[in-house]
Amino acid sequence: GYEDGSFEHGTTEYEKRGVGVMVPRWIEANCIQCNQCASVCPHAVIRPFLINDEEMANAPRGVKDHALEAKGTKGEKLSFKIQVSPLDCTGCELCVHECPTKEKSLVMVPL
């Protein structure tokens, strides 16, 4: 930090813990796109994305293979994806417990 108590921006990129033995995996077939998992995650591991056609065309295959048609976009054609950042995960499982779907949209898997 600095004398005035402030810190340099963007330092969290160096704070990847990788301490979660078990981390969430998104099961898109079960997802209702409620984003409650992202809201409850204390470490910003669960990241929801809306992706337009141009972004999807330039996206890696993993994104293209695991995206849904976005709901509630007011006529705009967008795709929806939950991206998990496993090295930020501490394995707390809050996301799994918060998921309201009967067949969970997130399951814990080994890192």
N, C-alpha and C. Protein backbone atom coordinates (compact mmCIF):
# COMPACT_ATOMS: atom_id res chain seq x y z
N GLY A 1 0.81 -1.18 0.00
CA GLY A 1 0.00 0.00 0.00
C GLY A 1 0.86 1.25 0.00
N TYR A 2 0.19 2.36 -0.09
CA TYR A 2 0.84 3.66 -0.11
C TYR A 2 0.64 4.35 1.25
N GLU A 3 1.34 5.48 1.47
CA GLU A 3 1.25 6.21 2.72
C GLU A 3 -0.17 6.64 3.05
N ASP A 4 -0.96 6.97 2.02
CA ASP A 4 -2.32 7.44 2.27
C ASP A 4 -3.31 6.30 2.49
N GLY A 5 -2.82 5.07 2.51
CA GLY A 5 -3.69 3.92 2.77
C GLY A 5 -4.30 3.30 1.53
N SER A 6 -4.04 3.85 0.36
CA SER A 6 -4.60 3.30 -0.87
C SER A 6 -3.72 2.17 -1.39
N PHE A 7 -4.27 1.41 -2.31
CA PHE A 7 -3.55 0.29 -2.92
C PHE A 7 -3.60 0.42 -4.43
N GLU A 8 -2.63 -0.16 -5.09
CA GLU A 8 -2.61 -0.19 -6.54
C GLU A 8 -3.79 -1.02 -7.05
N HIS A 9 -4.40 -0.61 -8.14
CA HIS A 9 -5.54 -1.33 -8.71
C HIS A 9 -5.07 -2.59 -9.44
N GLY A 10 -5.94 -3.59 -9.49
CA GLY A 10 -5.69 -4.79 -10.29
C GLY A 10 -4.76 -5.81 -9.66
N THR A 11 -4.51 -5.70 -8.37
CA THR A 11 -3.56 -6.64 -7.75
C THR A 11 -4.16 -8.01 -7.49
N THR A 12 -5.46 -8.16 -7.61
CA THR A 12 -6.07 -9.47 -7.35
C THR A 12 -5.65 -10.51 -8.38
N GLU A 13 -5.14 -10.08 -9.53
CA GLU A 13 -4.69 -11.06 -10.51
C GLU A 13 -3.51 -11.88 -9.98
N TYR A 14 -2.85 -11.39 -8.94
CA TYR A 14 -1.73 -12.11 -8.35
C TYR A 14 -2.14 -12.92 -7.12
N GLU A 15 -3.43 -12.91 -6.80
CA GLU A 15 -3.91 -13.55 -5.57
C GLU A 15 -4.70 -14.83 -5.83
N LYS A 16 -4.41 -15.54 -6.88
CA LYS A 16 -5.10 -16.79 -7.15
C LYS A 16 -4.65 -17.82 -6.12
N ARG A 17 -5.58 -18.25 -5.30
CA ARG A 17 -5.24 -19.13 -4.20
C ARG A 17 -5.09 -20.59 -4.62
N GLY A 18 -6.04 -21.07 -5.40
CA GLY A 18 -6.00 -22.48 -5.79
C GLY A 18 -6.10 -23.42 -4.59
N VAL A 19 -6.84 -23.01 -3.56
CA VAL A 19 -6.91 -23.81 -2.33
C VAL A 19 -8.11 -24.76 -2.30
N GLY A 20 -9.07 -24.55 -3.19
CA GLY A 20 -10.26 -25.40 -3.20
C GLY A 20 -9.94 -26.77 -3.76
N VAL A 21 -10.08 -27.79 -2.94
CA VAL A 21 -9.85 -29.16 -3.40
C VAL A 21 -10.97 -29.57 -4.36
N MET A 22 -12.19 -29.17 -4.03
CA MET A 22 -13.35 -29.39 -4.87
C MET A 22 -13.84 -28.03 -5.35
N VAL A 23 -14.14 -27.91 -6.64
CA VAL A 23 -14.57 -26.64 -7.23
C VAL A 23 -15.85 -26.88 -8.04
N PRO A 24 -16.64 -25.83 -8.28
CA PRO A 24 -17.90 -26.01 -9.01
C PRO A 24 -17.69 -26.22 -10.51
N ARG A 25 -18.56 -27.04 -11.07
CA ARG A 25 -18.63 -27.23 -12.52
C ARG A 25 -20.07 -26.94 -12.93
N TRP A 26 -20.23 -26.14 -13.98
CA TRP A 26 -21.55 -25.74 -14.45
C TRP A 26 -22.17 -26.82 -15.32
N ILE A 27 -23.40 -27.19 -15.01
CA ILE A 27 -24.18 -28.13 -15.81
C ILE A 27 -25.25 -27.30 -16.54
N GLU A 28 -24.91 -26.85 -17.73
CA GLU A 28 -25.79 -25.90 -18.42
C GLU A 28 -27.17 -26.44 -18.72
N ALA A 29 -27.31 -27.75 -18.90
CA ALA A 29 -28.62 -28.34 -19.22
C ALA A 29 -29.62 -28.13 -18.09
N ASN A 30 -29.15 -27.93 -16.86
CA ASN A 30 -30.03 -27.75 -15.71
C ASN A 30 -30.24 -26.29 -15.33
N CYS A 31 -29.51 -25.39 -15.94
CA CYS A 31 -29.49 -23.98 -15.52
C CYS A 31 -30.73 -23.22 -15.97
N ILE A 32 -31.29 -22.43 -15.04
CA ILE A 32 -32.44 -21.58 -15.36
C ILE A 32 -32.03 -20.11 -15.48
N GLN A 33 -30.73 -19.83 -15.43
CA GLN A 33 -30.17 -18.50 -15.62
C GLN A 33 -30.62 -17.50 -14.57
N CYS A 34 -30.74 -17.95 -13.33
CA CYS A 34 -31.18 -17.06 -12.25
C CYS A 34 -30.03 -16.25 -11.66
N ASN A 35 -28.80 -16.70 -11.82
CA ASN A 35 -27.59 -16.04 -11.33
C ASN A 35 -27.49 -15.97 -9.81
N GLN A 36 -28.29 -16.75 -9.11
CA GLN A 36 -28.19 -16.76 -7.66
C GLN A 36 -26.84 -17.30 -7.20
N CYS A 37 -26.27 -18.23 -7.95
CA CYS A 37 -24.96 -18.78 -7.62
C CYS A 37 -23.89 -17.69 -7.64
N ALA A 38 -23.95 -16.81 -8.64
CA ALA A 38 -22.98 -15.72 -8.75
C ALA A 38 -23.19 -14.70 -7.63
N SER A 39 -24.43 -14.48 -7.25
CA SER A 39 -24.72 -13.51 -6.20
C SER A 39 -24.20 -13.94 -4.84
N VAL A 40 -24.24 -15.23 -4.57
CA VAL A 40 -23.86 -15.71 -3.25
C VAL A 40 -22.36 -16.00 -3.13
N CYS A 41 -21.65 -16.13 -4.22
CA CYS A 41 -20.23 -16.50 -4.19
C CYS A 41 -19.37 -15.37 -3.60
N PRO A 42 -18.70 -15.62 -2.48
CA PRO A 42 -17.91 -14.56 -1.83
C PRO A 42 -16.58 -14.26 -2.53
N HIS A 43 -16.18 -15.07 -3.48
CA HIS A 43 -14.87 -14.89 -4.12
C HIS A 43 -14.97 -14.65 -5.63
N ALA A 44 -16.15 -14.33 -6.13
CA ALA A 44 -16.37 -14.04 -7.56
C ALA A 44 -15.89 -15.17 -8.45
N VAL A 45 -16.13 -16.40 -8.02
CA VAL A 45 -15.75 -17.59 -8.79
C VAL A 45 -16.74 -17.83 -9.91
N ILE A 46 -18.01 -17.61 -9.64
CA ILE A 46 -19.09 -17.86 -10.59
C ILE A 46 -19.36 -16.57 -11.35
N ARG A 47 -19.12 -16.58 -12.66
CA ARG A 47 -19.23 -15.36 -13.45
C ARG A 47 -20.19 -15.56 -14.62
N PRO A 48 -21.37 -14.92 -14.56
CA PRO A 48 -22.33 -15.04 -15.66
C PRO A 48 -21.99 -14.06 -16.79
N PHE A 49 -22.18 -14.50 -18.02
CA PHE A 49 -21.90 -13.66 -19.18
C PHE A 49 -23.06 -13.70 -20.16
N LEU A 50 -23.36 -12.55 -20.75
CA LEU A 50 -24.23 -12.45 -21.92
C LEU A 50 -23.31 -12.19 -23.10
N ILE A 51 -23.45 -12.97 -24.15
CA ILE A 51 -22.51 -12.93 -25.26
C ILE A 51 -23.26 -12.66 -26.55
N ASN A 52 -22.85 -11.61 -27.29
CA ASN A 52 -23.52 -11.31 -28.56
C ASN A 52 -22.92 -12.18 -29.68
N ASP A 53 -23.48 -12.08 -30.87
CA ASP A 53 -23.05 -12.93 -31.99
C ASP A 53 -21.59 -12.72 -32.36
N GLU A 54 -21.14 -11.48 -32.36
CA GLU A 54 -19.76 -11.18 -32.72
C GLU A 54 -18.79 -11.79 -31.70
N GLU A 55 -19.10 -11.64 -30.42
CA GLU A 55 -18.26 -12.22 -29.38
C GLU A 55 -18.26 -13.75 -29.46
N MET A 56 -19.41 -14.31 -29.76
CA MET A 56 -19.52 -15.77 -29.85
C MET A 56 -18.70 -16.29 -31.03
N ALA A 57 -18.69 -15.56 -32.14
CA ALA A 57 -17.91 -15.97 -33.31
C ALA A 57 -16.41 -16.02 -32.99
N ASN A 58 -15.96 -15.15 -32.10
CA ASN A 58 -14.55 -15.08 -31.74
C ASN A 58 -14.22 -15.85 -30.47
N ALA A 59 -15.20 -16.49 -29.88
CA ALA A 59 -15.00 -17.20 -28.61
C ALA A 59 -14.31 -18.55 -28.82
N PRO A 60 -13.60 -19.02 -27.80
CA PRO A 60 -13.01 -20.36 -27.90
C PRO A 60 -14.10 -21.43 -27.96
N ARG A 61 -13.73 -22.60 -28.43
CA ARG A 61 -14.69 -23.68 -28.62
C ARG A 61 -15.42 -24.05 -27.32
N GLY A 62 -14.73 -24.02 -26.19
CA GLY A 62 -15.35 -24.35 -24.92
C GLY A 62 -16.53 -23.46 -24.58
N VAL A 63 -16.46 -22.21 -24.98
CA VAL A 63 -17.57 -21.28 -24.76
C VAL A 63 -18.71 -21.63 -25.71
N LYS A 64 -18.39 -21.85 -26.97
CA LYS A 64 -19.41 -22.17 -27.97
C LYS A 64 -20.15 -23.46 -27.64
N ASP A 65 -19.43 -24.44 -27.12
CA ASP A 65 -20.03 -25.74 -26.82
C ASP A 65 -20.85 -25.73 -25.54
N HIS A 66 -20.67 -24.73 -24.69
CA HIS A 66 -21.34 -24.73 -23.39
C HIS A 66 -22.05 -23.41 -23.11
N ALA A 67 -22.79 -22.92 -24.07
CA ALA A 67 -23.56 -21.70 -23.90
C ALA A 67 -25.03 -21.99 -24.17
N LEU A 68 -25.87 -21.20 -23.57
CA LEU A 68 -27.31 -21.33 -23.74
C LEU A 68 -27.86 -20.10 -24.45
N GLU A 69 -29.05 -20.22 -24.99
CA GLU A 69 -29.74 -19.05 -25.51
C GLU A 69 -30.22 -18.25 -24.30
N ALA A 70 -29.85 -16.97 -24.24
CA ALA A 70 -30.17 -16.14 -23.08
C ALA A 70 -31.67 -15.88 -22.99
N LYS A 71 -32.16 -15.89 -21.76
CA LYS A 71 -33.57 -15.60 -21.49
C LYS A 71 -33.74 -14.13 -21.14
N GLY A 72 -34.91 -13.57 -21.44
CA GLY A 72 -35.25 -12.23 -21.00
C GLY A 72 -34.40 -11.12 -21.57
N THR A 73 -33.97 -11.24 -22.81
CA THR A 73 -33.10 -10.21 -23.39
C THR A 73 -33.85 -9.22 -24.27
N LYS A 74 -35.17 -9.18 -24.18
CA LYS A 74 -36.01 -8.19 -24.88
C LYS A 74 -35.77 -8.19 -26.38
N GLY A 75 -35.73 -9.37 -26.98
CA GLY A 75 -35.60 -9.49 -28.42
C GLY A 75 -34.18 -9.51 -28.94
N GLU A 76 -33.23 -9.11 -28.12
CA GLU A 76 -31.84 -9.13 -28.55
C GLU A 76 -31.34 -10.57 -28.50
N LYS A 77 -30.69 -11.03 -29.57
CA LYS A 77 -30.20 -12.41 -29.62
C LYS A 77 -28.85 -12.51 -28.92
N LEU A 78 -28.86 -13.04 -27.71
CA LEU A 78 -27.64 -13.20 -26.91
C LEU A 78 -27.53 -14.62 -26.41
N SER A 79 -26.32 -15.02 -26.13
CA SER A 79 -26.07 -16.32 -25.50
C SER A 79 -25.72 -16.08 -24.04
N PHE A 80 -25.93 -17.10 -23.22
CA PHE A 80 -25.66 -17.02 -21.78
C PHE A 80 -24.65 -18.10 -21.41
N LYS A 81 -23.72 -17.74 -20.56
CA LYS A 81 -22.70 -18.69 -20.11
C LYS A 81 -22.33 -18.38 -18.67
N ILE A 82 -22.21 -19.42 -17.87
CA ILE A 82 -21.61 -19.30 -16.54
C ILE A 82 -20.17 -19.77 -16.68
N GLN A 83 -19.24 -18.91 -16.32
CA GLN A 83 -17.82 -19.27 -16.35
C GLN A 83 -17.34 -19.40 -14.91
N VAL A 84 -16.66 -20.49 -14.62
CA VAL A 84 -16.14 -20.74 -13.28
C VAL A 84 -14.65 -20.43 -13.29
N SER A 85 -14.19 -19.73 -12.25
CA SER A 85 -12.77 -19.43 -12.08
C SER A 85 -12.23 -20.30 -10.95
N PRO A 86 -11.81 -21.53 -11.26
CA PRO A 86 -11.49 -22.50 -10.21
C PRO A 86 -10.34 -22.11 -9.28
N LEU A 87 -9.38 -21.33 -9.75
CA LEU A 87 -8.26 -20.95 -8.87
C LEU A 87 -8.65 -19.91 -7.82
N ASP A 88 -9.82 -19.28 -8.00
CA ASP A 88 -10.31 -18.34 -6.99
C ASP A 88 -11.19 -19.05 -5.95
N CYS A 89 -11.58 -20.28 -6.22
CA CYS A 89 -12.53 -21.01 -5.38
C CYS A 89 -11.87 -21.52 -4.09
N THR A 90 -12.62 -21.41 -2.99
CA THR A 90 -12.15 -21.96 -1.71
C THR A 90 -12.89 -23.24 -1.35
N GLY A 91 -13.83 -23.67 -2.20
CA GLY A 91 -14.55 -24.92 -1.96
C GLY A 91 -15.68 -24.82 -0.96
N CYS A 92 -16.22 -23.64 -0.74
CA CYS A 92 -17.25 -23.45 0.30
C CYS A 92 -18.60 -24.07 -0.07
N GLU A 93 -18.87 -24.29 -1.34
CA GLU A 93 -20.10 -24.90 -1.85
C GLU A 93 -21.35 -24.03 -1.71
N LEU A 94 -21.20 -22.76 -1.39
CA LEU A 94 -22.37 -21.89 -1.28
C LEU A 94 -23.16 -21.84 -2.58
N CYS A 95 -22.45 -21.83 -3.70
CA CYS A 95 -23.11 -21.76 -5.01
C CYS A 95 -24.01 -22.98 -5.24
N VAL A 96 -23.52 -24.15 -4.88
CA VAL A 96 -24.28 -25.39 -5.06
C VAL A 96 -25.54 -25.37 -4.19
N HIS A 97 -25.40 -24.94 -2.95
CA HIS A 97 -26.54 -24.92 -2.03
C HIS A 97 -27.54 -23.83 -2.38
N GLU A 98 -27.09 -22.76 -3.01
CA GLU A 98 -27.98 -21.66 -3.39
C GLU A 98 -28.78 -21.97 -4.65
N CYS A 99 -28.28 -22.85 -5.48
CA CYS A 99 -28.94 -23.18 -6.75
C CYS A 99 -30.35 -23.71 -6.49
N PRO A 100 -31.38 -23.07 -7.08
CA PRO A 100 -32.75 -23.48 -6.81
C PRO A 100 -33.27 -24.63 -7.68
N THR A 101 -32.50 -25.08 -8.66
CA THR A 101 -33.00 -26.12 -9.54
C THR A 101 -32.99 -27.48 -8.85
N LYS A 102 -33.96 -28.30 -9.19
CA LYS A 102 -34.06 -29.64 -8.59
C LYS A 102 -32.82 -30.47 -8.92
N GLU A 103 -32.48 -30.52 -10.21
CA GLU A 103 -31.23 -31.13 -10.66
C GLU A 103 -30.22 -30.00 -10.67
N LYS A 104 -29.31 -29.98 -9.75
CA LYS A 104 -28.40 -28.85 -9.55
C LYS A 104 -27.66 -28.46 -10.84
N SER A 105 -27.50 -27.15 -11.01
CA SER A 105 -26.79 -26.61 -12.16
C SER A 105 -25.30 -26.48 -11.90
N LEU A 106 -24.91 -26.65 -10.65
CA LEU A 106 -23.51 -26.66 -10.27
C LEU A 106 -23.25 -27.88 -9.43
N VAL A 107 -22.16 -28.56 -9.73
CA VAL A 107 -21.74 -29.71 -8.94
C VAL A 107 -20.27 -29.53 -8.59
N MET A 108 -19.87 -30.05 -7.45
CA MET A 108 -18.47 -29.93 -7.05
C MET A 108 -17.68 -31.08 -7.64
N VAL A 109 -16.54 -30.75 -8.24
CA VAL A 109 -15.65 -31.73 -8.87
C VAL A 109 -14.22 -31.46 -8.38
N PRO A 110 -13.33 -32.45 -8.45
CA PRO A 110 -11.94 -32.20 -8.04
C PRO A 110 -11.28 -31.15 -8.90
N LEU A 111 -10.47 -30.30 -8.25
CA LEU A 111 -9.74 -29.24 -8.96
C LEU A 111 -8.87 -29.85 -10.04
